[in-house]
């Protein structure tokens, strides 16, 4: 295959994976919201005259776990889909290395100089 064909296949696969992650995250967040509404209704039925909020140990942790999983899926799917859609140069600028690192102002060059045994700072 030519270079163009490889890029098309790679970006298509990246787009499919990104969209699948976004869709899975969206469905997980929607289900977490449904469970949380159901949980609130159940608590209201069990404690109709409760003046105090229901203690944490009586709440169900499933909605929070699903919110966490859905958020991770959406956060993983967004840059994956962006990488499939945006031009390579634009995406490289978005996620490129910072101009300054903790090892000095020249980033990778400083690390290579240190590894070669050159001057540290």
PDB file of N, CA and C in Angstrom:
ATOM      1  N   UNK A   1       0.845  -1.182   0.000  1.00  0.00           N
ATOM      2  CA  UNK A   1       0.000   0.000   0.000  1.00  0.00           C
ATOM      3  C   UNK A   1       0.886   1.239   0.000  1.00  0.00           C
ATOM      4  N   UNK A   2       0.338   2.275  -0.575  1.00  0.00           N
ATOM      5  CA  UNK A   2       1.077   3.527  -0.611  1.00  0.00           C
ATOM      6  C   UNK A   2       0.961   4.248   0.728  1.00  0.00           C
ATOM      7  N   UNK A   3       1.734   5.319   0.852  1.00  0.00           N
ATOM      8  CA  UNK A   3       1.717   6.085   2.097  1.00  0.00           C
ATOM      9  C   UNK A   3       0.343   6.702   2.344  1.00  0.00           C
ATOM     10  N   UNK A   4      -0.294   7.180   1.286  1.00  0.00           N
ATOM     11  CA  UNK A   4      -1.622   7.788   1.419  1.00  0.00           C
ATOM     12  C   UNK A   4      -2.654   6.752   1.863  1.00  0.00           C
ATOM     13  N   UNK A   5      -2.597   5.577   1.285  1.00  0.00           N
ATOM     14  CA  UNK A   5      -3.522   4.518   1.673  1.00  0.00           C
ATOM     15  C   UNK A   5      -3.317   4.110   3.135  1.00  0.00           C
ATOM     16  N   UNK A   6      -2.059   4.011   3.554  1.00  0.00           N
ATOM     17  CA  UNK A   6      -1.779   3.684   4.950  1.00  0.00           C
ATOM     18  C   UNK A   6      -2.339   4.741   5.886  1.00  0.00           C
ATOM     19  N   UNK A   7      -2.188   6.010   5.505  1.00  0.00           N
ATOM     20  CA  UNK A   7      -2.702   7.086   6.350  1.00  0.00           C
ATOM     21  C   UNK A   7      -4.228   7.052   6.421  1.00  0.00           C
ATOM     22  N   UNK A   8      -4.874   6.764   5.316  1.00  0.00           N
ATOM     23  CA  UNK A   8      -6.344   6.686   5.301  1.00  0.00           C
ATOM     24  C   UNK A   8      -6.827   5.536   6.175  1.00  0.00           C
ATOM     25  N   UNK A   9      -6.180   4.383   6.046  1.00  0.00           N
ATOM     26  CA  UNK A   9      -6.574   3.231   6.860  1.00  0.00           C
ATOM     27  C   UNK A   9      -6.327   3.513   8.344  1.00  0.00           C
ATOM     28  N   UNK A  10      -5.184   4.081   8.654  1.00  0.00           N
ATOM     29  CA  UNK A  10      -4.858   4.375  10.052  1.00  0.00           C
ATOM     30  C   UNK A  10      -5.806   5.392  10.664  1.00  0.00           C
ATOM     31  N   UNK A  11      -6.106   6.455   9.925  1.00  0.00           N
ATOM     32  CA  UNK A  11      -7.022   7.473  10.447  1.00  0.00           C
ATOM     33  C   UNK A  11      -8.448   6.934  10.562  1.00  0.00           C
ATOM     34  N   UNK A  12      -8.837   6.080   9.637  1.00  0.00           N
ATOM     35  CA  UNK A  12     -10.171   5.472   9.740  1.00  0.00           C
ATOM     36  C   UNK A  12     -10.275   4.597  10.985  1.00  0.00           C
ATOM     37  N   UNK A  13      -9.252   3.787  11.226  1.00  0.00           N
ATOM     38  CA  UNK A  13      -9.262   2.942  12.425  1.00  0.00           C
ATOM     39  C   UNK A  13      -9.248   3.800  13.687  1.00  0.00           C
ATOM     40  N   UNK A  14      -8.461   4.874  13.683  1.00  0.00           N
ATOM     41  CA  UNK A  14      -8.408   5.772  14.829  1.00  0.00           C
ATOM     42  C   UNK A  14      -9.760   6.442  15.051  1.00  0.00           C
ATOM     43  N   UNK A  15     -10.415   6.822  13.957  1.00  0.00           N
ATOM     44  CA  UNK A  15     -11.736   7.435  14.072  1.00  0.00           C
ATOM     45  C   UNK A  15     -12.777   6.471  14.615  1.00  0.00           C
ATOM     46  N   UNK A  16     -12.729   5.230  14.168  1.00  0.00           N
ATOM     47  CA  UNK A  16     -13.690   4.230  14.639  1.00  0.00           C
ATOM     48  C   UNK A  16     -13.485   3.963  16.134  1.00  0.00           C
ATOM     49  N   UNK A  17     -12.231   3.818  16.541  1.00  0.00           N
ATOM     50  CA  UNK A  17     -11.937   3.581  17.965  1.00  0.00           C
ATOM     51  C   UNK A  17     -12.368   4.792  18.797  1.00  0.00           C
ATOM     52  N   UNK A  18     -12.056   5.997  18.314  1.00  0.00           N
ATOM     53  CA  UNK A  18     -12.439   7.206  19.034  1.00  0.00           C
ATOM     54  C   UNK A  18     -13.941   7.358  19.168  1.00  0.00           C
ATOM     55  N   UNK A  19     -14.652   7.115  18.080  1.00  0.00           N
ATOM     56  CA  UNK A  19     -16.114   7.213  18.139  1.00  0.00           C
ATOM     57  C   UNK A  19     -16.715   6.135  19.036  1.00  0.00           C
ATOM     58  N   UNK A  20     -16.118   4.940  19.015  1.00  0.00           N
ATOM     59  CA  UNK A  20     -16.611   3.877  19.901  1.00  0.00           C
ATOM     60  C   UNK A  20     -16.401   4.255  21.369  1.00  0.00           C
ATOM     61  N   UNK A  21     -15.255   4.853  21.682  1.00  0.00           N
ATOM     62  CA  UNK A  21     -15.007   5.298  23.051  1.00  0.00           C
ATOM     63  C   UNK A  21     -15.981   6.401  23.460  1.00  0.00           C
ATOM     64  N   UNK A  22     -16.208   7.353  22.560  1.00  0.00           N
ATOM     65  CA  UNK A  22     -17.152   8.434  22.858  1.00  0.00           C
ATOM     66  C   UNK A  22     -18.569   7.887  23.062  1.00  0.00           C
ATOM     67  N   UNK A  23     -18.978   6.985  22.196  1.00  0.00           N
ATOM     68  CA  UNK A  23     -20.322   6.406  22.306  1.00  0.00           C
ATOM     69  C   UNK A  23     -20.461   5.602  23.599  1.00  0.00           C
ATOM     70  N   UNK A  24     -19.449   4.798  23.904  1.00  0.00           N
ATOM     71  CA  UNK A  24     -19.495   4.012  25.140  1.00  0.00           C
ATOM     72  C   UNK A  24     -19.522   4.900  26.373  1.00  0.00           C
ATOM     73  N   UNK A  25     -18.751   5.966  26.355  1.00  0.00           N
ATOM     74  CA  UNK A  25     -18.766   6.902  27.470  1.00  0.00           C
ATOM     75  C   UNK A  25     -20.100   7.597  27.620  1.00  0.00           C
ATOM     76  N   UNK A  26     -20.677   7.988  26.498  1.00  0.00           N
ATOM     77  CA  UNK A  26     -21.983   8.659  26.534  1.00  0.00           C
ATOM     78  C   UNK A  26     -23.056   7.718  27.079  1.00  0.00           C
ATOM     79  N   UNK A  27     -23.081   6.481  26.614  1.00  0.00           N
ATOM     80  CA  UNK A  27     -24.067   5.519  27.100  1.00  0.00           C
ATOM     81  C   UNK A  27     -23.851   5.202  28.586  1.00  0.00           C
ATOM     82  N   UNK A  28     -22.592   5.112  29.010  1.00  0.00           N
ATOM     83  CA  UNK A  28     -22.306   4.839  30.416  1.00  0.00           C
ATOM     84  C   UNK A  28     -22.751   6.000  31.296  1.00  0.00           C
ATOM     85  N   UNK A  29     -22.495   7.238  30.850  1.00  0.00           N
ATOM     86  CA  UNK A  29     -22.940   8.401  31.604  1.00  0.00           C
ATOM     87  C   UNK A  29     -24.466   8.477  31.668  1.00  0.00           C
ATOM     88  N   UNK A  30     -25.127   8.137  30.573  1.00  0.00           N
ATOM     89  CA  UNK A  30     -26.596   8.149  30.563  1.00  0.00           C
ATOM     90  C   UNK A  30     -27.151   7.095  31.525  1.00  0.00           C
ATOM     91  N   UNK A  31     -26.554   5.910  31.544  1.00  0.00           N
ATOM     92  CA  UNK A  31     -27.004   4.853  32.457  1.00  0.00           C
ATOM     93  C   UNK A  31     -26.725   5.237  33.909  1.00  0.00           C
ATOM     94  N   UNK A  32     -25.594   5.884  34.167  1.00  0.00           N
ATOM     95  CA  UNK A  32     -25.283   6.332  35.529  1.00  0.00           C
ATOM     96  C   UNK A  32     -26.314   7.357  35.990  1.00  0.00           C
ATOM     97  N   UNK A  33     -26.721   8.242  35.104  1.00  0.00           N
ATOM     98  CA  UNK A  33     -27.733   9.234  35.455  1.00  0.00           C
ATOM     99  C   UNK A  33     -29.066   8.545  35.765  1.00  0.00           C
ATOM    100  N   UNK A  34     -29.446   7.570  34.941  1.00  0.00           N
ATOM    101  CA  UNK A  34     -30.694   6.830  35.185  1.00  0.00           C
ATOM    102  C   UNK A  34     -30.650   6.105  36.540  1.00  0.00           C
ATOM    103  N   UNK A  35     -29.525   5.461  36.827  1.00  0.00           N
ATOM    104  CA  UNK A  35     -29.409   4.744  38.101  1.00  0.00           C
ATOM    105  C   UNK A  35     -29.446   5.715  39.267  1.00  0.00           C
ATOM    106  N   UNK A  36     -28.839   6.871  39.107  1.00  0.00           N
ATOM    107  CA  UNK A  36     -28.832   7.841  40.194  1.00  0.00           C
ATOM    108  C   UNK A  36     -30.236   8.390  40.447  1.00  0.00           C
ATOM    109  N   UNK A  37     -31.021   8.621  39.393  1.00  0.00           N
ATOM    110  CA  UNK A  37     -32.418   9.061  39.562  1.00  0.00           C
ATOM    111  C   UNK A  37     -33.229   7.955  40.242  1.00  0.00           C
ATOM    112  N   UNK A  38     -33.023   6.729  39.807  1.00  0.00           N
ATOM    113  CA  UNK A  38     -33.712   5.583  40.405  1.00  0.00           C
ATOM    114  C   UNK A  38     -33.334   5.432  41.884  1.00  0.00           C
ATOM    115  N   UNK A  39     -32.066   5.653  42.190  1.00  0.00           N
ATOM    116  CA  UNK A  39     -31.578   5.557  43.555  1.00  0.00           C
ATOM    117  C   UNK A  39     -32.240   6.624  44.436  1.00  0.00           C
ATOM    118  N   UNK A  40     -32.333   7.845  43.922  1.00  0.00           N
ATOM    119  CA  UNK A  40     -32.988   8.914  44.690  1.00  0.00           C
ATOM    120  C   UNK A  40     -34.454   8.610  44.942  1.00  0.00           C
ATOM    121  N   UNK A  41     -35.119   8.053  43.935  1.00  0.00           N
ATOM    122  CA  UNK A  41     -36.529   7.699  44.101  1.00  0.00           C
ATOM    123  C   UNK A  41     -36.683   6.587  45.148  1.00  0.00           C
ATOM    124  N   UNK A  42     -35.790   5.625  45.129  1.00  0.00           N
ATOM    125  CA  UNK A  42     -35.836   4.532  46.106  1.00  0.00           C
ATOM    126  C   UNK A  42     -35.620   5.063  47.516  1.00  0.00           C
ATOM    127  N   UNK A  43     -34.665   5.973  47.678  1.00  0.00           N
ATOM    128  CA  UNK A  43     -34.404   6.562  48.992  1.00  0.00           C
ATOM    129  C   UNK A  43     -35.616   7.361  49.454  1.00  0.00           C
ATOM    130  N   UNK A  44     -36.249   8.098  48.539  1.00  0.00           N
ATOM    131  CA  UNK A  44     -37.436   8.874  48.905  1.00  0.00           C
ATOM    132  C   UNK A  44     -38.585   7.954  49.324  1.00  0.00           C
ATOM    133  N   UNK A  45     -38.705   6.779  48.683  1.00  0.00           N
ATOM    134  CA  UNK A  45     -39.753   5.833  49.074  1.00  0.00           C
ATOM    135  C   UNK A  45     -39.450   5.198  50.427  1.00  0.00           C
ATOM    136  N   UNK A  46     -38.162   4.894  50.665  1.00  0.00           N
ATOM    137  CA  UNK A  46     -37.782   4.242  51.923  1.00  0.00           C
ATOM    138  C   UNK A  46     -37.823   5.193  53.115  1.00  0.00           C
ATOM    139  N   UNK A  47     -37.544   6.459  52.898  1.00  0.00           N
ATOM    140  CA  UNK A  47     -37.482   7.448  53.971  1.00  0.00           C
ATOM    141  C   UNK A  47     -38.346   8.652  53.599  1.00  0.00           C
ATOM    142  N   UNK A  48     -39.677   8.512  53.647  1.00  0.00           N
ATOM    143  CA  UNK A  48     -40.542   9.591  53.159  1.00  0.00           C
ATOM    144  C   UNK A  48     -40.514  10.849  54.035  1.00  0.00           C
ATOM    145  N   UNK A  49     -40.306  10.721  55.334  1.00  0.00           N
ATOM    146  CA  UNK A  49     -40.353  11.877  56.226  1.00  0.00           C
ATOM    147  C   UNK A  49     -38.978  12.218  56.791  1.00  0.00           C
ATOM    148  N   UNK A  50     -37.944  11.894  56.052  1.00  0.00           N
ATOM    149  CA  UNK A  50     -36.591  12.113  56.566  1.00  0.00           C
ATOM    150  C   UNK A  50     -36.244  13.597  56.507  1.00  0.00           C
ATOM    151  N   UNK A  51     -35.961  14.168  57.671  1.00  0.00           N
ATOM    152  CA  UNK A  51     -35.543  15.561  57.724  1.00  0.00           C
ATOM    153  C   UNK A  51     -34.047  15.667  57.431  1.00  0.00           C
ATOM    154  N   UNK A  52     -33.312  14.629  57.809  1.00  0.00           N
ATOM    155  CA  UNK A  52     -31.865  14.612  57.580  1.00  0.00           C
ATOM    156  C   UNK A  52     -31.581  13.865  56.269  1.00  0.00           C
ATOM    157  N   UNK A  53     -30.482  14.201  55.616  1.00  0.00           N
ATOM    158  CA  UNK A  53     -30.105  13.421  54.429  1.00  0.00           C
ATOM    159  C   UNK A  53     -29.768  11.980  54.815  1.00  0.00           C
ATOM    160  N   UNK A  54     -29.924  11.098  53.883  1.00  0.00           N
ATOM    161  CA  UNK A  54     -29.652   9.680  54.128  1.00  0.00           C
ATOM    162  C   UNK A  54     -28.146   9.491  54.299  1.00  0.00           C
ATOM    163  N   UNK A  55     -27.722   8.700  55.304  1.00  0.00           N
ATOM    164  CA  UNK A  55     -26.284   8.494  55.521  1.00  0.00           C
ATOM    165  C   UNK A  55     -25.608   7.872  54.302  1.00  0.00           C
ATOM    166  N   UNK A  56     -24.325   8.141  54.162  1.00  0.00           N
ATOM    167  CA  UNK A  56     -23.577   7.671  52.996  1.00  0.00           C
ATOM    168  C   UNK A  56     -23.566   6.151  52.874  1.00  0.00           C
ATOM    169  N   UNK A  57     -23.543   5.441  53.997  1.00  0.00           N
ATOM    170  CA  UNK A  57     -23.457   3.987  53.906  1.00  0.00           C
ATOM    171  C   UNK A  57     -24.733   3.359  53.368  1.00  0.00           C
ATOM    172  N   UNK A  58     -25.831   4.110  53.330  1.00  0.00           N
ATOM    173  CA  UNK A  58     -27.068   3.561  52.770  1.00  0.00           C
ATOM    174  C   UNK A  58     -27.226   3.905  51.287  1.00  0.00           C
ATOM    175  N   UNK A  59     -26.353   4.732  50.764  1.00  0.00           N
ATOM    176  CA  UNK A  59     -26.407   5.069  49.344  1.00  0.00           C
ATOM    177  C   UNK A  59     -25.686   4.003  48.531  1.00  0.00           C
ATOM    178  N   UNK A  60     -26.043   3.919  47.273  1.00  0.00           N
ATOM    179  CA  UNK A  60     -25.402   2.947  46.392  1.00  0.00           C
ATOM    180  C   UNK A  60     -24.237   3.618  45.661  1.00  0.00           C
ATOM    181  N   UNK A  61     -23.081   2.955  45.598  1.00  0.00           N
ATOM    182  CA  UNK A  61     -21.922   3.570  44.938  1.00  0.00           C
ATOM    183  C   UNK A  61     -21.893   3.365  43.424  1.00  0.00           C
ATOM    184  N   UNK A  62     -22.812   2.594  42.880  1.00  0.00           N
ATOM    185  CA  UNK A  62     -22.765   2.276  41.450  1.00  0.00           C
ATOM    186  C   UNK A  62     -22.826   3.507  40.552  1.00  0.00           C
ATOM    187  N   UNK A  63     -23.686   4.505  40.830  1.00  0.00           N
ATOM    188  CA  UNK A  63     -23.697   5.653  39.924  1.00  0.00           C
ATOM    189  C   UNK A  63     -22.359   6.386  39.874  1.00  0.00           C
ATOM    190  N   UNK A  64     -21.698   6.541  41.011  1.00  0.00           N
ATOM    191  CA  UNK A  64     -20.418   7.251  40.998  1.00  0.00           C
ATOM    192  C   UNK A  64     -19.370   6.477  40.210  1.00  0.00           C
ATOM    193  N   UNK A  65     -19.346   5.171  40.354  1.00  0.00           N
ATOM    194  CA  UNK A  65     -18.397   4.362  39.608  1.00  0.00           C
ATOM    195  C   UNK A  65     -18.676   4.459  38.107  1.00  0.00           C
ATOM    196  N   UNK A  66     -19.953   4.431  37.741  1.00  0.00           N
ATOM    197  CA  UNK A  66     -20.298   4.550  36.329  1.00  0.00           C
ATOM    198  C   UNK A  66     -19.982   5.938  35.789  1.00  0.00           C
ATOM    199  N   UNK A  67     -20.187   6.977  36.601  1.00  0.00           N
ATOM    200  CA  UNK A  67     -19.805   8.326  36.169  1.00  0.00           C
ATOM    201  C   UNK A  67     -18.296   8.390  35.918  1.00  0.00           C
ATOM    202  N   UNK A  68     -17.522   7.765  36.783  1.00  0.00           N
ATOM    203  CA  UNK A  68     -16.075   7.753  36.636  1.00  0.00           C
ATOM    204  C   UNK A  68     -15.661   7.008  35.361  1.00  0.00           C
ATOM    205  N   UNK A  69     -16.236   5.846  35.137  1.00  0.00           N
ATOM    206  CA  UNK A  69     -15.904   5.054  33.950  1.00  0.00           C
ATOM    207  C   UNK A  69     -16.316   5.798  32.686  1.00  0.00           C
ATOM    208  N   UNK A  70     -17.516   6.371  32.692  1.00  0.00           N
ATOM    209  CA  UNK A  70     -17.974   7.123  31.520  1.00  0.00           C
ATOM    210  C   UNK A  70     -17.107   8.334  31.239  1.00  0.00           C
ATOM    211  N   UNK A  71     -16.681   9.023  32.293  1.00  0.00           N
ATOM    212  CA  UNK A  71     -15.808  10.176  32.108  1.00  0.00           C
ATOM    213  C   UNK A  71     -14.466   9.786  31.522  1.00  0.00           C
ATOM    214  N   UNK A  72     -13.916   8.671  31.979  1.00  0.00           N
ATOM    215  CA  UNK A  72     -12.638   8.196  31.443  1.00  0.00           C
ATOM    216  C   UNK A  72     -12.790   7.828  29.970  1.00  0.00           C
ATOM    217  N   UNK A  73     -13.888   7.172  29.619  1.00  0.00           N
ATOM    218  CA  UNK A  73     -14.106   6.805  28.221  1.00  0.00           C
ATOM    219  C   UNK A  73     -14.244   8.032  27.331  1.00  0.00           C
ATOM    220  N   UNK A  74     -14.987   9.038  27.806  1.00  0.00           N
ATOM    221  CA  UNK A  74     -15.150  10.255  27.010  1.00  0.00           C
ATOM    222  C   UNK A  74     -13.816  10.994  26.880  1.00  0.00           C
ATOM    223  N   UNK A  75     -13.075  11.065  27.984  1.00  0.00           N
ATOM    224  CA  UNK A  75     -11.780  11.755  27.931  1.00  0.00           C
ATOM    225  C   UNK A  75     -10.759  11.008  27.064  1.00  0.00           C
ATOM    226  N   UNK A  76     -10.897   9.713  26.943  1.00  0.00           N
ATOM    227  CA  UNK A  76     -10.009   8.959  26.050  1.00  0.00           C
ATOM    228  C   UNK A  76     -10.472   9.058  24.602  1.00  0.00           C
ATOM    229  N   UNK A  77     -11.778   9.131  24.390  1.00  0.00           N
ATOM    230  CA  UNK A  77     -12.298   9.176  23.029  1.00  0.00           C
ATOM    231  C   UNK A  77     -12.146  10.518  22.345  1.00  0.00           C
ATOM    232  N   UNK A  78     -12.174  11.603  23.121  1.00  0.00           N
ATOM    233  CA  UNK A  78     -12.100  12.940  22.513  1.00  0.00           C
ATOM    234  C   UNK A  78     -10.774  13.181  21.787  1.00  0.00           C
ATOM    235  N   UNK A  79      -9.619  12.978  22.417  1.00  0.00           N
ATOM    236  CA  UNK A  79      -8.384  13.210  21.658  1.00  0.00           C
ATOM    237  C   UNK A  79      -8.148  12.166  20.565  1.00  0.00           C
ATOM    238  N   UNK A  80      -8.666  10.957  20.783  1.00  0.00           N
ATOM    239  CA  UNK A  80      -8.509   9.928  19.748  1.00  0.00           C
ATOM    240  C   UNK A  80      -9.275  10.321  18.494  1.00  0.00           C
ATOM    241  N   UNK A  81     -10.497  10.790  18.671  1.00  0.00           N
ATOM    242  CA  UNK A  81     -11.286  11.240  17.525  1.00  0.00           C
ATOM    243  C   UNK A  81     -10.674  12.489  16.909  1.00  0.00           C
ATOM    244  N   UNK A  82     -10.170  13.395  17.751  1.00  0.00           N
ATOM    245  CA  UNK A  82      -9.526  14.604  17.233  1.00  0.00           C
ATOM    246  C   UNK A  82      -8.301  14.253  16.401  1.00  0.00           C
ATOM    247  N   UNK A  83      -7.541  13.246  16.822  1.00  0.00           N
ATOM    248  CA  UNK A  83      -6.364  12.828  16.059  1.00  0.00           C
ATOM    249  C   UNK A  83      -6.750  12.260  14.702  1.00  0.00           C
ATOM    250  N   UNK A  84      -7.924  11.658  14.621  1.00  0.00           N
ATOM    251  CA  UNK A  84      -8.368  11.092  13.345  1.00  0.00           C
ATOM    252  C   UNK A  84      -8.870  12.170  12.397  1.00  0.00           C
ATOM    253  N   UNK A  85      -9.410  13.256  12.942  1.00  0.00           N
ATOM    254  CA  UNK A  85     -10.051  14.278  12.116  1.00  0.00           C
ATOM    255  C   UNK A  85      -9.108  15.424  11.763  1.00  0.00           C
ATOM    256  N   UNK A  86      -8.307  15.871  12.721  1.00  0.00           N
ATOM    257  CA  UNK A  86      -7.435  17.022  12.503  1.00  0.00           C
ATOM    258  C   UNK A  86      -6.229  16.652  11.650  1.00  0.00           C
ATOM    259  N   UNK A  87      -5.686  17.631  10.930  1.00  0.00           N
ATOM    260  CA  UNK A  87      -4.432  17.383  10.212  1.00  0.00           C
ATOM    261  C   UNK A  87      -3.303  17.063  11.190  1.00  0.00           C
ATOM    262  N   UNK A  88      -2.330  16.338  10.735  1.00  0.00           N
ATOM    263  CA  UNK A  88      -1.254  15.875  11.604  1.00  0.00           C
ATOM    264  C   UNK A  88      -0.501  17.034  12.245  1.00  0.00           C
ATOM    265  N   UNK A  89      -0.214  18.082  11.484  1.00  0.00           N
ATOM    266  CA  UNK A  89       0.514  19.219  12.026  1.00  0.00           C
ATOM    267  C   UNK A  89      -0.247  19.937  13.118  1.00  0.00           C
ATOM    268  N   UNK A  90      -1.553  20.089  12.938  1.00  0.00           N
ATOM    269  CA  UNK A  90      -2.379  20.763  13.938  1.00  0.00           C
ATOM    270  C   UNK A  90      -2.434  19.945  15.221  1.00  0.00           C
ATOM    271  N   UNK A  91      -2.614  18.651  15.094  1.00  0.00           N
ATOM    272  CA  UNK A  91      -2.678  17.805  16.281  1.00  0.00           C
ATOM    273  C   UNK A  91      -1.330  17.765  16.993  1.00  0.00           C
ATOM    274  N   UNK A  92      -0.236  17.781  16.238  1.00  0.00           N
ATOM    275  CA  UNK A  92       1.090  17.788  16.857  1.00  0.00           C
ATOM    276  C   UNK A  92       1.315  19.069  17.644  1.00  0.00           C
ATOM    277  N   UNK A  93       0.793  20.191  17.141  1.00  0.00           N
ATOM    278  CA  UNK A  93       0.908  21.449  17.882  1.00  0.00           C
ATOM    279  C   UNK A  93       0.080  21.414  19.163  1.00  0.00           C
ATOM    280  N   UNK A  94      -1.074  20.748  19.119  1.00  0.00           N
ATOM    281  CA  UNK A  94      -1.933  20.674  20.300  1.00  0.00           C
ATOM    282  C   UNK A  94      -1.293  19.861  21.423  1.00  0.00           C
ATOM    283  N   UNK A  95      -0.662  18.751  21.073  1.00  0.00           N
ATOM    284  CA  UNK A  95      -0.118  17.872  22.113  1.00  0.00           C
ATOM    285  C   UNK A  95       1.397  17.906  22.163  1.00  0.00           C
ATOM    286  N   UNK A  96       2.024  18.869  21.502  1.00  0.00           N
ATOM    287  CA  UNK A  96       3.468  18.942  21.454  1.00  0.00           C
ATOM    288  C   UNK A  96       4.089  19.155  22.821  1.00  0.00           C
ATOM    289  N   UNK A  97       5.406  18.993  22.910  1.00  0.00           N
ATOM    290  CA  UNK A  97       6.073  19.152  24.204  1.00  0.00           C
ATOM    291  C   UNK A  97       6.033  20.610  24.655  1.00  0.00           C
ATOM    292  N   UNK A  98       6.041  20.838  25.951  1.00  0.00           N
ATOM    293  CA  UNK A  98       6.054  22.218  26.440  1.00  0.00           C
ATOM    294  C   UNK A  98       7.402  22.866  26.136  1.00  0.00           C
ATOM    295  N   UNK A  99       7.434  24.173  25.989  1.00  0.00           N
ATOM    296  CA  UNK A  99       8.703  24.820  25.664  1.00  0.00           C
ATOM    297  C   UNK A  99       9.721  24.727  26.800  1.00  0.00           C
ATOM    298  N   UNK A 100       9.254  24.616  28.045  1.00  0.00           N
ATOM    299  CA  UNK A 100      10.154  24.528  29.189  1.00  0.00           C
ATOM    300  C   UNK A 100       9.835  23.261  29.971  1.00  0.00           C
ATOM    301  N   UNK A 101      10.886  22.604  30.424  1.00  0.00           N
ATOM    302  CA  UNK A 101      10.699  21.414  31.239  1.00  0.00           C
ATOM    303  C   UNK A 101      11.411  21.629  32.577  1.00  0.00           C
ATOM    304  N   UNK A 102      11.268  20.665  33.455  1.00  0.00           N
ATOM    305  CA  UNK A 102      11.912  20.785  34.756  1.00  0.00           C
ATOM    306  C   UNK A 102      13.421  20.600  34.659  1.00  0.00           C
ATOM    307  N   UNK A 103      13.909  20.089  33.542  1.00  0.00           N
ATOM    308  CA  UNK A 103      15.343  19.849  33.390  1.00  0.00           C
ATOM    309  C   UNK A 103      16.065  21.007  32.716  1.00  0.00           C
ATOM    310  N   UNK A 104      15.356  22.024  32.326  1.00  0.00           N
ATOM    311  CA  UNK A 104      16.004  23.151  31.672  1.00  0.00           C
ATOM    312  C   UNK A 104      15.110  23.734  30.613  1.00  0.00           C
ATOM    313  N   UNK A 105      15.579  24.780  29.978  1.00  0.00           N
ATOM    314  CA  UNK A 105      14.703  25.447  29.025  1.00  0.00           C
ATOM    315  C   UNK A 105      14.722  24.832  27.640  1.00  0.00           C
ATOM    316  N   UNK A 106      15.630  23.890  27.391  1.00  0.00           N
ATOM    317  CA  UNK A 106      15.703  23.314  26.053  1.00  0.00           C
ATOM    318  C   UNK A 106      15.124  21.915  25.964  1.00  0.00           C
ATOM    319  N   UNK A 107      14.512  21.429  27.027  1.00  0.00           N
ATOM    320  CA  UNK A 107      13.792  20.164  26.995  1.00  0.00           C
ATOM    321  C   UNK A 107      14.655  18.975  26.676  1.00  0.00           C
ATOM    322  N   UNK A 108      14.362  18.336  25.562  1.00  0.00           N
ATOM    323  CA  UNK A 108      15.000  17.079  25.209  1.00  0.00           C
ATOM    324  C   UNK A 108      16.495  17.248  24.959  1.00  0.00           C
ATOM    325  N   UNK A 109      16.922  18.389  24.418  1.00  0.00           N
ATOM    326  CA  UNK A 109      18.346  18.617  24.186  1.00  0.00           C
ATOM    327  C   UNK A 109      19.127  18.574  25.494  1.00  0.00           C
ATOM    328  N   UNK A 110      18.546  19.139  26.550  1.00  0.00           N
ATOM    329  CA  UNK A 110      19.198  19.131  27.858  1.00  0.00           C
ATOM    330  C   UNK A 110      19.337  17.710  28.378  1.00  0.00           C
ATOM    331  N   UNK A 111      18.299  16.912  28.211  1.00  0.00           N
ATOM    332  CA  UNK A 111      18.341  15.520  28.667  1.00  0.00           C
ATOM    333  C   UNK A 111      19.423  14.757  27.923  1.00  0.00           C
ATOM    334  N   UNK A 112      19.509  14.929  26.618  1.00  0.00           N
ATOM    335  CA  UNK A 112      20.548  14.240  25.844  1.00  0.00           C
ATOM    336  C   UNK A 112      21.941  14.675  26.271  1.00  0.00           C
ATOM    337  N   UNK A 113      22.125  15.970  26.548  1.00  0.00           N
ATOM    338  CA  UNK A 113      23.425  16.474  26.975  1.00  0.00           C
ATOM    339  C   UNK A 113      23.819  15.865  28.323  1.00  0.00           C
ATOM    340  N   UNK A 114      22.841  15.748  29.231  1.00  0.00           N
ATOM    341  CA  UNK A 114      23.122  15.154  30.542  1.00  0.00           C
ATOM    342  C   UNK A 114      23.491  13.689  30.388  1.00  0.00           C
ATOM    343  N   UNK A 115      22.775  12.973  29.535  1.00  0.00           N
ATOM    344  CA  UNK A 115      23.051  11.546  29.350  1.00  0.00           C
ATOM    345  C   UNK A 115      24.413  11.310  28.704  1.00  0.00           C
ATOM    346  N   UNK A 116      24.854  12.237  27.870  1.00  0.00           N
ATOM    347  CA  UNK A 116      26.173  12.104  27.251  1.00  0.00           C
ATOM    348  C   UNK A 116      27.283  12.454  28.220  1.00  0.00           C
ATOM    349  N   UNK A 117      26.925  13.036  29.381  1.00  0.00           N
ATOM    350  CA  UNK A 117      27.948  13.385  30.360  1.00  0.00           C
ATOM    351  C   UNK A 117      28.410  14.833  30.230  1.00  0.00           C
ATOM    352  N   UNK A 118      27.655  15.616  29.512  1.00  0.00           N
ATOM    353  CA  UNK A 118      28.028  17.026  29.338  1.00  0.00           C
ATOM    354  C   UNK A 118      27.704  17.835  30.581  1.00  0.00           C
ATOM    355  N   UNK A 119      27.777  19.137  30.420  1.00  0.00           N
ATOM    356  CA  UNK A 119      27.514  20.032  31.538  1.00  0.00           C
ATOM    357  C   UNK A 119      26.060  19.910  31.992  1.00  0.00           C
ATOM    358  N   UNK A 120      25.840  19.868  33.280  1.00  0.00           N
ATOM    359  CA  UNK A 120      24.506  19.621  33.808  1.00  0.00           C
ATOM    360  C   UNK A 120      23.587  20.812  33.606  1.00  0.00           C
ATOM    361  N   UNK A 121      23.984  22.023  33.938  1.00  0.00           N
ATOM    362  CA  UNK A 121      23.091  23.175  33.808  1.00  0.00           C
ATOM    363  C   UNK A 121      23.723  24.133  32.874  1.00  0.00           C
TER     364      UNK A 121
END
